[in-house]
Amino acid sequence: MSIRKGKVPDFKVKAVKDLAKKMKESKTILLASCKGLPSAQFHDLKKKMRGVAEIVFLKKNAISRAIDATEKGSLQVLKEQLRADFVLLLSSVDAFELAATLAESQIPTRAKGGDIAPEDIEIQPGPTDLVPGPAISELSGVGLKVAVKEGKLEVIKGAVVARKGEPIKDNVASVLAKLGVSPMKVGFIPLAAYDSHADKVYVDIRIDKPGTLLALQDAIVKSQGFAVGIKYLTPETLKYFISIASMEEKAITKLLSLSQSQ
């Protein structure tokens, strides 16, 4: 039995040609997941991205054909990242700058059983709005120690209830919801991006500004300690060396005074 292929509608052909043209003219083509993003938030994010990037929401086959039509070899790598529930963002903004903008636009949401923890989820000690009852065993069941204070439950010893990269258990998700903790984020999650200037596809370009800042601060502290250890002069270490010299000068002067008095 042969399958008869009908003619591709003109509007679909035009959509692919138009997208291919826009791809050729864009500095950055970013592929982002929109899985689990509610419709209202989807439209809110589209509004926020106006003037920053054009958002394209087409089927996988149409985008794949548009990539082929650009005749850009490196861009073909982007096809390997095409998955379900995704959008394309076309922009003149640098790929990593665009990814950072998307990261800042993500919306906190509650966790469901089976969700993958984006980071270690820790419950800190403190008061809650929960009343004594079944909640005591629920909180204790995820490793929290609780006590009743003024008719409400208070966490007196916290715990890490989910580890980064591991599935969140149903009972943990339930406790997080009761405590009003929203550890998950929804939005346009960057998967990969093509930089036309470098003619290169970057994969897994998620930006963590707070984490990067902490890592940078830690590196600065360690580098200053290392520089002092090897007696390397910089404006920062010079102040330390002068301070040490001043203390030693005072100690030597005191010793000389004592010896002369004797």
C-alpha atoms as a PDB file:
ATOM      1  CA  MET A   1       0.000   0.000   0.000  1.00  0.00           C
ATOM      2  CA  SER A   2       1.534   3.310  -1.038  1.00  0.00           C
ATOM      3  CA  ILE A   3       1.115   6.494   0.948  1.00  0.00           C
ATOM      4  CA  ARG A   4       0.130   9.460  -1.128  1.00  0.00           C
ATOM      5  CA  LYS A   5       1.749  12.703  -0.095  1.00  0.00           C
ATOM      6  CA  GLY A   6      -0.279  15.830  -0.589  1.00  0.00           C
ATOM      7  CA  LYS A   7       1.080  19.224  -1.472  1.00  0.00           C
ATOM      8  CA  VAL A   8       2.462  21.221   1.439  1.00  0.00           C
ATOM      9  CA  PRO A   9       0.170  24.232   2.021  1.00  0.00           C
ATOM     10  CA  ASP A  10       1.585  27.510   0.779  1.00  0.00           C
ATOM     11  CA  PHE A  11       1.317  29.178   4.197  1.00  0.00           C
ATOM     12  CA  LYS A  12       3.569  26.486   5.705  1.00  0.00           C
ATOM     13  CA  VAL A  13       6.137  26.890   2.948  1.00  0.00           C
ATOM     14  CA  LYS A  14       6.088  30.658   3.481  1.00  0.00           C
ATOM     15  CA  ALA A  15       6.461  30.257   7.251  1.00  0.00           C
ATOM     16  CA  VAL A  16       9.597  28.125   6.780  1.00  0.00           C
ATOM     17  CA  LYS A  17      11.103  30.586   4.259  1.00  0.00           C
ATOM     18  CA  ASP A  18      10.375  33.560   6.497  1.00  0.00           C
ATOM     19  CA  LEU A  19      11.927  31.821   9.513  1.00  0.00           C
ATOM     20  CA  ALA A  20      15.036  30.833   7.534  1.00  0.00           C
ATOM     21  CA  LYS A  21      15.450  34.467   6.456  1.00  0.00           C
ATOM     22  CA  LYS A  22      15.129  35.724  10.031  1.00  0.00           C
ATOM     23  CA  MET A  23      17.642  33.111  11.191  1.00  0.00           C
ATOM     24  CA  LYS A  24      20.186  34.341   8.662  1.00  0.00           C
ATOM     25  CA  GLU A  25      19.719  37.913   9.863  1.00  0.00           C
ATOM     26  CA  SER A  26      19.888  37.153  13.624  1.00  0.00           C
ATOM     27  CA  LYS A  27      23.049  37.307  15.704  1.00  0.00           C
ATOM     28  CA  THR A  28      21.680  34.776  18.191  1.00  0.00           C
ATOM     29  CA  ILE A  29      19.282  31.861  17.709  1.00  0.00           C
ATOM     30  CA  LEU A  30      18.427  30.438  21.110  1.00  0.00           C
ATOM     31  CA  LEU A  31      16.458  27.247  21.699  1.00  0.00           C
ATOM     32  CA  ALA A  32      14.569  27.226  24.995  1.00  0.00           C
ATOM     33  CA  SER A  33      12.289  24.774  26.765  1.00  0.00           C
ATOM     34  CA  CYS A  34       8.853  26.002  27.796  1.00  0.00           C
ATOM     35  CA  LYS A  35       7.798  22.698  29.370  1.00  0.00           C
ATOM     36  CA  GLY A  36       5.319  23.114  32.212  1.00  0.00           C
ATOM     37  CA  LEU A  37       4.915  26.838  31.569  1.00  0.00           C
ATOM     38  CA  PRO A  38       1.265  27.897  32.052  1.00  0.00           C
ATOM     39  CA  SER A  39      -0.337  29.782  29.187  1.00  0.00           C
ATOM     40  CA  ALA A  40      -0.726  33.023  31.151  1.00  0.00           C
ATOM     41  CA  GLN A  41       2.937  33.075  32.142  1.00  0.00           C
ATOM     42  CA  PHE A  42       3.915  32.202  28.564  1.00  0.00           C
ATOM     43  CA  HIS A  43       2.222  35.335  27.275  1.00  0.00           C
ATOM     44  CA  ASP A  44       3.632  37.438  30.131  1.00  0.00           C
ATOM     45  CA  LEU A  45       7.158  36.345  29.202  1.00  0.00           C
ATOM     46  CA  LYS A  46       6.515  37.115  25.535  1.00  0.00           C
ATOM     47  CA  LYS A  47       5.609  40.670  26.543  1.00  0.00           C
ATOM     48  CA  LYS A  48       8.744  40.992  28.684  1.00  0.00           C
ATOM     49  CA  MET A  49      10.941  39.880  25.788  1.00  0.00           C
ATOM     50  CA  ARG A  50       9.606  42.485  23.346  1.00  0.00           C
ATOM     51  CA  GLY A  51      12.470  44.509  21.970  1.00  0.00           C
ATOM     52  CA  VAL A  52      14.943  41.893  23.202  1.00  0.00           C
ATOM     53  CA  ALA A  53      14.070  38.837  21.126  1.00  0.00           C
ATOM     54  CA  GLU A  54      11.421  37.582  18.727  1.00  0.00           C
ATOM     55  CA  ILE A  55       9.814  34.389  19.994  1.00  0.00           C
ATOM     56  CA  VAL A  56       8.965  31.737  17.404  1.00  0.00           C
ATOM     57  CA  PHE A  57       6.633  28.882  18.310  1.00  0.00           C
ATOM     58  CA  LEU A  58       6.468  26.344  15.464  1.00  0.00           C
ATOM     59  CA  LYS A  59       6.484  22.576  15.104  1.00  0.00           C
ATOM     60  CA  LYS A  60       9.760  20.685  15.192  1.00  0.00           C
ATOM     61  CA  ASN A  61       9.627  19.738  11.483  1.00  0.00           C
ATOM     62  CA  ALA A  62       9.073  23.337  10.372  1.00  0.00           C
ATOM     63  CA  ILE A  63      12.010  24.608  12.429  1.00  0.00           C
ATOM     64  CA  SER A  64      14.197  21.754  11.214  1.00  0.00           C
ATOM     65  CA  ARG A  65      13.385  22.646   7.568  1.00  0.00           C
ATOM     66  CA  ALA A  66      14.108  26.317   8.254  1.00  0.00           C
ATOM     67  CA  ILE A  67      17.516  25.390   9.694  1.00  0.00           C
ATOM     68  CA  ASP A  68      18.250  23.349   6.573  1.00  0.00           C
ATOM     69  CA  ALA A  69      17.207  26.287   4.390  1.00  0.00           C
ATOM     70  CA  THR A  70      19.761  28.605   6.026  1.00  0.00           C
ATOM     71  CA  GLU A  71      22.525  26.397   4.593  1.00  0.00           C
ATOM     72  CA  LYS A  72      24.661  27.129   7.645  1.00  0.00           C
ATOM     73  CA  GLY A  73      26.636  24.025   8.580  1.00  0.00           C
ATOM     74  CA  SER A  74      27.210  24.819  12.264  1.00  0.00           C
ATOM     75  CA  LEU A  75      23.558  25.699  12.764  1.00  0.00           C
ATOM     76  CA  GLN A  76      22.624  22.110  11.932  1.00  0.00           C
ATOM     77  CA  VAL A  77      23.896  21.115  15.399  1.00  0.00           C
ATOM     78  CA  LEU A  78      20.929  22.991  16.857  1.00  0.00           C
ATOM     79  CA  LYS A  79      18.606  20.401  15.310  1.00  0.00           C
ATOM     80  CA  GLU A  80      20.012  17.779  17.687  1.00  0.00           C
ATOM     81  CA  GLN A  81      18.618  19.776  20.612  1.00  0.00           C
ATOM     82  CA  LEU A  82      15.050  20.042  19.287  1.00  0.00           C
ATOM     83  CA  ARG A  83      12.720  18.466  21.841  1.00  0.00           C
ATOM     84  CA  ALA A  84       9.093  18.679  22.882  1.00  0.00           C
ATOM     85  CA  ASP A  85       7.717  21.945  24.273  1.00  0.00           C
ATOM     86  CA  PHE A  86      10.261  24.451  23.024  1.00  0.00           C
ATOM     87  CA  VAL A  87      10.469  27.893  21.461  1.00  0.00           C
ATOM     88  CA  LEU A  88      13.067  29.706  19.386  1.00  0.00           C
ATOM     89  CA  LEU A  89      14.287  33.185  20.298  1.00  0.00           C
ATOM     90  CA  LEU A  90      15.829  35.288  17.536  1.00  0.00           C
ATOM     91  CA  SER A  91      17.845  38.251  18.759  1.00  0.00           C
ATOM     92  CA  SER A  92      20.671  40.689  18.125  1.00  0.00           C
ATOM     93  CA  VAL A  93      21.707  40.229  21.765  1.00  0.00           C
ATOM     94  CA  ASP A  94      24.706  38.066  22.712  1.00  0.00           C
ATOM     95  CA  ALA A  95      23.732  34.438  23.432  1.00  0.00           C
ATOM     96  CA  PHE A  96      24.915  34.450  27.056  1.00  0.00           C
ATOM     97  CA  GLU A  97      23.368  37.844  27.766  1.00  0.00           C
ATOM     98  CA  LEU A  98      20.058  36.570  26.385  1.00  0.00           C
ATOM     99  CA  ALA A  99      20.328  33.393  28.492  1.00  0.00           C
ATOM    100  CA  ALA A 100      20.915  35.554  31.595  1.00  0.00           C
ATOM    101  CA  THR A 101      17.818  37.616  30.796  1.00  0.00           C
ATOM    102  CA  LEU A 102      15.757  34.429  30.519  1.00  0.00           C
ATOM    103  CA  ALA A 103      17.138  33.138  33.829  1.00  0.00           C
ATOM    104  CA  GLU A 104      16.105  36.364  35.579  1.00  0.00           C
ATOM    105  CA  SER A 105      12.601  36.095  34.091  1.00  0.00           C
ATOM    106  CA  GLN A 106      11.879  32.626  35.470  1.00  0.00           C
ATOM    107  CA  ILE A 107       8.928  32.289  37.856  1.00  0.00           C
ATOM    108  CA  PRO A 108       9.093  30.313  41.158  1.00  0.00           C
ATOM    109  CA  THR A 109       6.560  27.492  41.381  1.00  0.00           C
ATOM    110  CA  ARG A 110       5.724  24.605  43.680  1.00  0.00           C
ATOM    111  CA  ALA A 111       7.341  21.207  43.301  1.00  0.00           C
ATOM    112  CA  LYS A 112       5.507  18.051  42.305  1.00  0.00           C
ATOM    113  CA  GLY A 113       6.531  14.506  43.132  1.00  0.00           C
ATOM    114  CA  GLY A 114       9.044  13.359  40.527  1.00  0.00           C
ATOM    115  CA  ASP A 115      10.359  16.843  39.696  1.00  0.00           C
ATOM    116  CA  ILE A 116      14.146  17.030  39.585  1.00  0.00           C
ATOM    117  CA  ALA A 117      15.556  19.274  42.299  1.00  0.00           C
ATOM    118  CA  PRO A 118      17.419  22.196  40.641  1.00  0.00           C
ATOM    119  CA  GLU A 119      19.609  22.502  43.765  1.00  0.00           C
ATOM    120  CA  ASP A 120      19.792  21.188  47.316  1.00  0.00           C
ATOM    121  CA  ILE A 121      16.470  22.067  48.963  1.00  0.00           C
ATOM    122  CA  GLU A 122      16.935  22.864  52.637  1.00  0.00           C
ATOM    123  CA  ILE A 123      14.268  23.735  55.189  1.00  0.00           C
ATOM    124  CA  GLN A 124      15.599  26.205  57.749  1.00  0.00           C
ATOM    125  CA  PRO A 125      14.502  26.328  61.406  1.00  0.00           C
ATOM    126  CA  GLY A 126      11.714  28.761  62.144  1.00  0.00           C
ATOM    127  CA  PRO A 127       7.991  29.178  62.862  1.00  0.00           C
ATOM    128  CA  THR A 128       5.251  27.872  60.557  1.00  0.00           C
ATOM    129  CA  ASP A 129       1.528  28.460  60.177  1.00  0.00           C
ATOM    130  CA  LEU A 130       0.780  24.755  60.625  1.00  0.00           C
ATOM    131  CA  VAL A 131      -1.269  23.530  63.570  1.00  0.00           C
ATOM    132  CA  PRO A 132      -0.427  20.345  65.493  1.00  0.00           C
ATOM    133  CA  GLY A 133      -1.896  17.145  64.099  1.00  0.00           C
ATOM    134  CA  PRO A 134      -0.998  15.075  61.050  1.00  0.00           C
ATOM    135  CA  ALA A 135       1.495  17.762  60.027  1.00  0.00           C
ATOM    136  CA  ILE A 136       3.800  16.684  62.875  1.00  0.00           C
ATOM    137  CA  SER A 137       4.383  13.246  61.379  1.00  0.00           C
ATOM    138  CA  GLU A 138       4.564  14.680  57.851  1.00  0.00           C
ATOM    139  CA  LEU A 139       7.349  17.112  58.755  1.00  0.00           C
ATOM    140  CA  SER A 140       9.129  14.514  60.866  1.00  0.00           C
ATOM    141  CA  GLY A 141       8.897  12.100  57.955  1.00  0.00           C
ATOM    142  CA  VAL A 142      11.201  14.277  55.838  1.00  0.00           C
ATOM    143  CA  GLY A 143      13.796  14.683  58.577  1.00  0.00           C
ATOM    144  CA  LEU A 144      12.600  17.857  60.303  1.00  0.00           C
ATOM    145  CA  LYS A 145      12.418  18.204  64.078  1.00  0.00           C
ATOM    146  CA  VAL A 146       9.407  20.206  65.212  1.00  0.00           C
ATOM    147  CA  ALA A 147       7.885  21.522  68.415  1.00  0.00           C
ATOM    148  CA  VAL A 148       4.595  23.169  69.325  1.00  0.00           C
ATOM    149  CA  LYS A 149       4.902  26.829  70.269  1.00  0.00           C
ATOM    150  CA  GLU A 150       1.910  29.081  70.884  1.00  0.00           C
ATOM    151  CA  GLY A 151      -0.409  26.635  69.174  1.00  0.00           C
ATOM    152  CA  LYS A 152       1.638  26.399  65.955  1.00  0.00           C
ATOM    153  CA  LEU A 153       4.380  24.087  64.763  1.00  0.00           C
ATOM    154  CA  GLU A 154       7.928  25.403  64.690  1.00  0.00           C
ATOM    155  CA  VAL A 155      10.845  23.753  62.928  1.00  0.00           C
ATOM    156  CA  ILE A 156      13.579  23.576  65.571  1.00  0.00           C
ATOM    157  CA  LYS A 157      16.049  21.658  63.429  1.00  0.00           C
ATOM    158  CA  GLY A 158      16.063  21.933  59.656  1.00  0.00           C
ATOM    159  CA  ALA A 159      17.287  19.477  57.047  1.00  0.00           C
ATOM    160  CA  VAL A 160      18.085  19.073  53.367  1.00  0.00           C
ATOM    161  CA  VAL A 161      14.926  17.382  52.075  1.00  0.00           C
ATOM    162  CA  ALA A 162      16.019  16.947  48.431  1.00  0.00           C
ATOM    163  CA  ARG A 163      19.406  16.785  46.744  1.00  0.00           C
ATOM    164  CA  LYS A 164      20.329  18.587  43.549  1.00  0.00           C
ATOM    165  CA  GLY A 165      19.682  16.456  40.451  1.00  0.00           C
ATOM    166  CA  GLU A 166      17.543  13.889  42.290  1.00  0.00           C
ATOM    167  CA  PRO A 167      13.765  13.350  42.003  1.00  0.00           C
ATOM    168  CA  ILE A 168      11.673  15.048  44.679  1.00  0.00           C
ATOM    169  CA  LYS A 169       9.645  12.509  46.651  1.00  0.00           C
ATOM    170  CA  ASP A 170       5.878  12.870  46.929  1.00  0.00           C
ATOM    171  CA  ASN A 171       5.961  13.389  50.716  1.00  0.00           C
ATOM    172  CA  VAL A 172       8.683  16.031  50.351  1.00  0.00           C
ATOM    173  CA  ALA A 173       6.663  17.873  47.693  1.00  0.00           C
ATOM    174  CA  SER A 174       3.655  17.822  50.025  1.00  0.00           C
ATOM    175  CA  VAL A 175       5.666  19.267  52.932  1.00  0.00           C
ATOM    176  CA  LEU A 176       7.193  21.971  50.727  1.00  0.00           C
ATOM    177  CA  ALA A 177       3.706  22.995  49.594  1.00  0.00           C
ATOM    178  CA  LYS A 178       2.443  23.164  53.191  1.00  0.00           C
ATOM    179  CA  LEU A 179       5.402  25.354  54.149  1.00  0.00           C
ATOM    180  CA  GLY A 180       4.900  27.626  51.143  1.00  0.00           C
ATOM    181  CA  VAL A 181       8.273  26.759  49.633  1.00  0.00           C
ATOM    182  CA  SER A 182       8.454  27.029  45.816  1.00  0.00           C
ATOM    183  CA  PRO A 183      11.822  25.545  44.791  1.00  0.00           C
ATOM    184  CA  MET A 184      11.068  25.026  41.121  1.00  0.00           C
ATOM    185  CA  LYS A 185      11.130  27.646  38.382  1.00  0.00           C
ATOM    186  CA  VAL A 186       9.227  27.835  35.127  1.00  0.00           C
ATOM    187  CA  GLY A 187       9.977  30.003  32.160  1.00  0.00           C
ATOM    188  CA  PHE A 188      12.000  29.847  28.975  1.00  0.00           C
ATOM    189  CA  ILE A 189      14.858  27.547  30.001  1.00  0.00           C
ATOM    190  CA  PRO A 190      17.860  27.896  27.631  1.00  0.00           C
ATOM    191  CA  LEU A 191      18.912  24.611  26.025  1.00  0.00           C
ATOM    192  CA  ALA A 192      21.308  25.706  23.286  1.00  0.00           C
ATOM    193  CA  ALA A 193      22.161  28.783  21.253  1.00  0.00           C
ATOM    194  CA  TYR A 194      23.772  29.563  17.913  1.00  0.00           C
ATOM    195  CA  ASP A 195      26.081  32.574  17.664  1.00  0.00           C
ATOM    196  CA  SER A 196      26.273  33.694  14.034  1.00  0.00           C
ATOM    197  CA  HIS A 197      29.387  35.817  14.635  1.00  0.00           C
ATOM    198  CA  ALA A 198      31.338  32.857  16.028  1.00  0.00           C
ATOM    199  CA  ASP A 199      29.416  30.408  13.796  1.00  0.00           C
ATOM    200  CA  LYS A 200      29.106  28.081  16.790  1.00  0.00           C
ATOM    201  CA  VAL A 201      26.402  26.344  18.797  1.00  0.00           C
ATOM    202  CA  TYR A 202      26.684  26.510  22.602  1.00  0.00           C
ATOM    203  CA  VAL A 203      24.898  23.786  24.589  1.00  0.00           C
ATOM    204  CA  ASP A 204      23.727  24.027  28.213  1.00  0.00           C
ATOM    205  CA  ILE A 205      24.211  27.781  28.626  1.00  0.00           C
ATOM    206  CA  ARG A 206      22.143  28.280  31.751  1.00  0.00           C
ATOM    207  CA  ILE A 207      23.305  31.307  33.710  1.00  0.00           C
ATOM    208  CA  ASP A 208      23.471  31.312  37.513  1.00  0.00           C
ATOM    209  CA  LYS A 209      24.420  34.882  38.455  1.00  0.00           C
ATOM    210  CA  PRO A 210      24.219  34.443  42.273  1.00  0.00           C
ATOM    211  CA  GLY A 211      26.223  31.209  42.102  1.00  0.00           C
ATOM    212  CA  THR A 212      28.790  32.727  39.771  1.00  0.00           C
ATOM    213  CA  LEU A 213      29.165  35.794  42.021  1.00  0.00           C
ATOM    214  CA  LEU A 214      29.744  33.597  45.091  1.00  0.00           C
ATOM    215  CA  ALA A 215      32.308  31.519  43.197  1.00  0.00           C
ATOM    216  CA  LEU A 216      34.072  34.696  42.053  1.00  0.00           C
ATOM    217  CA  GLN A 217      34.166  36.118  45.587  1.00  0.00           C
ATOM    218  CA  ASP A 218      35.572  32.837  46.887  1.00  0.00           C
ATOM    219  CA  ALA A 219      38.220  32.829  44.146  1.00  0.00           C
ATOM    220  CA  ILE A 220      39.233  36.420  45.020  1.00  0.00           C
ATOM    221  CA  VAL A 221      39.684  35.547  48.703  1.00  0.00           C
ATOM    222  CA  LYS A 222      41.751  32.465  47.852  1.00  0.00           C
ATOM    223  CA  SER A 223      43.872  34.343  45.307  1.00  0.00           C
ATOM    224  CA  GLN A 224      44.697  37.077  47.827  1.00  0.00           C
ATOM    225  CA  GLY A 225      45.752  34.461  50.359  1.00  0.00           C
ATOM    226  CA  PHE A 226      47.926  32.753  47.751  1.00  0.00           C
ATOM    227  CA  ALA A 227      49.500  36.088  46.719  1.00  0.00           C
ATOM    228  CA  VAL A 228      50.381  36.848  50.356  1.00  0.00           C
ATOM    229  CA  GLY A 229      51.829  33.357  50.763  1.00  0.00           C
ATOM    230  CA  ILE A 230      54.241  33.782  47.858  1.00  0.00           C
ATOM    231  CA  LYS A 231      54.901  37.456  48.777  1.00  0.00           C
ATOM    232  CA  TYR A 232      53.526  38.736  45.473  1.00  0.00           C
ATOM    233  CA  LEU A 233      53.079  42.515  45.449  1.00  0.00           C
ATOM    234  CA  THR A 234      49.745  43.993  44.400  1.00  0.00           C
ATOM    235  CA  PRO A 235      47.894  47.096  45.688  1.00  0.00           C
ATOM    236  CA  GLU A 236      45.870  44.765  47.945  1.00  0.00           C
ATOM    237  CA  THR A 237      48.768  42.662  49.320  1.00  0.00           C
ATOM    238  CA  LEU A 238      50.996  45.737  49.760  1.00  0.00           C
ATOM    239  CA  LYS A 239      48.597  47.052  52.412  1.00  0.00           C
ATOM    240  CA  TYR A 240      48.881  43.722  54.238  1.00  0.00           C
ATOM    241  CA  PHE A 241      52.687  43.691  54.064  1.00  0.00           C
ATOM    242  CA  ILE A 242      52.896  47.302  55.312  1.00  0.00           C
ATOM    243  CA  SER A 243      50.544  46.414  58.189  1.00  0.00           C
ATOM    244  CA  ILE A 244      52.717  43.436  59.155  1.00  0.00           C
ATOM    245  CA  ALA A 245      55.892  45.559  58.885  1.00  0.00           C
ATOM    246  CA  SER A 246      54.332  48.201  61.118  1.00  0.00           C
ATOM    247  CA  MET A 247      53.447  45.612  63.775  1.00  0.00           C
ATOM    248  CA  GLU A 248      56.949  44.141  63.634  1.00  0.00           C
ATOM    249  CA  GLU A 249      58.485  47.637  63.872  1.00  0.00           C
ATOM    250  CA  LYS A 250      56.473  48.332  67.018  1.00  0.00           C
ATOM    251  CA  ALA A 251      57.467  44.967  68.521  1.00  0.00           C
ATOM    252  CA  ILE A 252      61.191  45.603  67.799  1.00  0.00           C
ATOM    253  CA  THR A 253      60.992  49.152  69.228  1.00  0.00           C
ATOM    254  CA  LYS A 254      59.428  47.771  72.404  1.00  0.00           C
ATOM    255  CA  LEU A 255      62.150  45.137  72.763  1.00  0.00           C
ATOM    256  CA  LEU A 256      64.887  47.770  72.261  1.00  0.00           C
ATOM    257  CA  SER A 257      63.305  50.012  74.879  1.00  0.00           C
ATOM    258  CA  LEU A 258      63.239  47.153  77.389  1.00  0.00           C
ATOM    259  CA  SER A 259      66.860  46.223  76.723  1.00  0.00           C
ATOM    260  CA  GLN A 260      68.036  49.841  77.087  1.00  0.00           C
ATOM    261  CA  SER A 261      66.163  50.281  80.355  1.00  0.00           C
ATOM    262  CA  GLN A 262      68.007  47.304  81.780  1.00  0.00           C
END
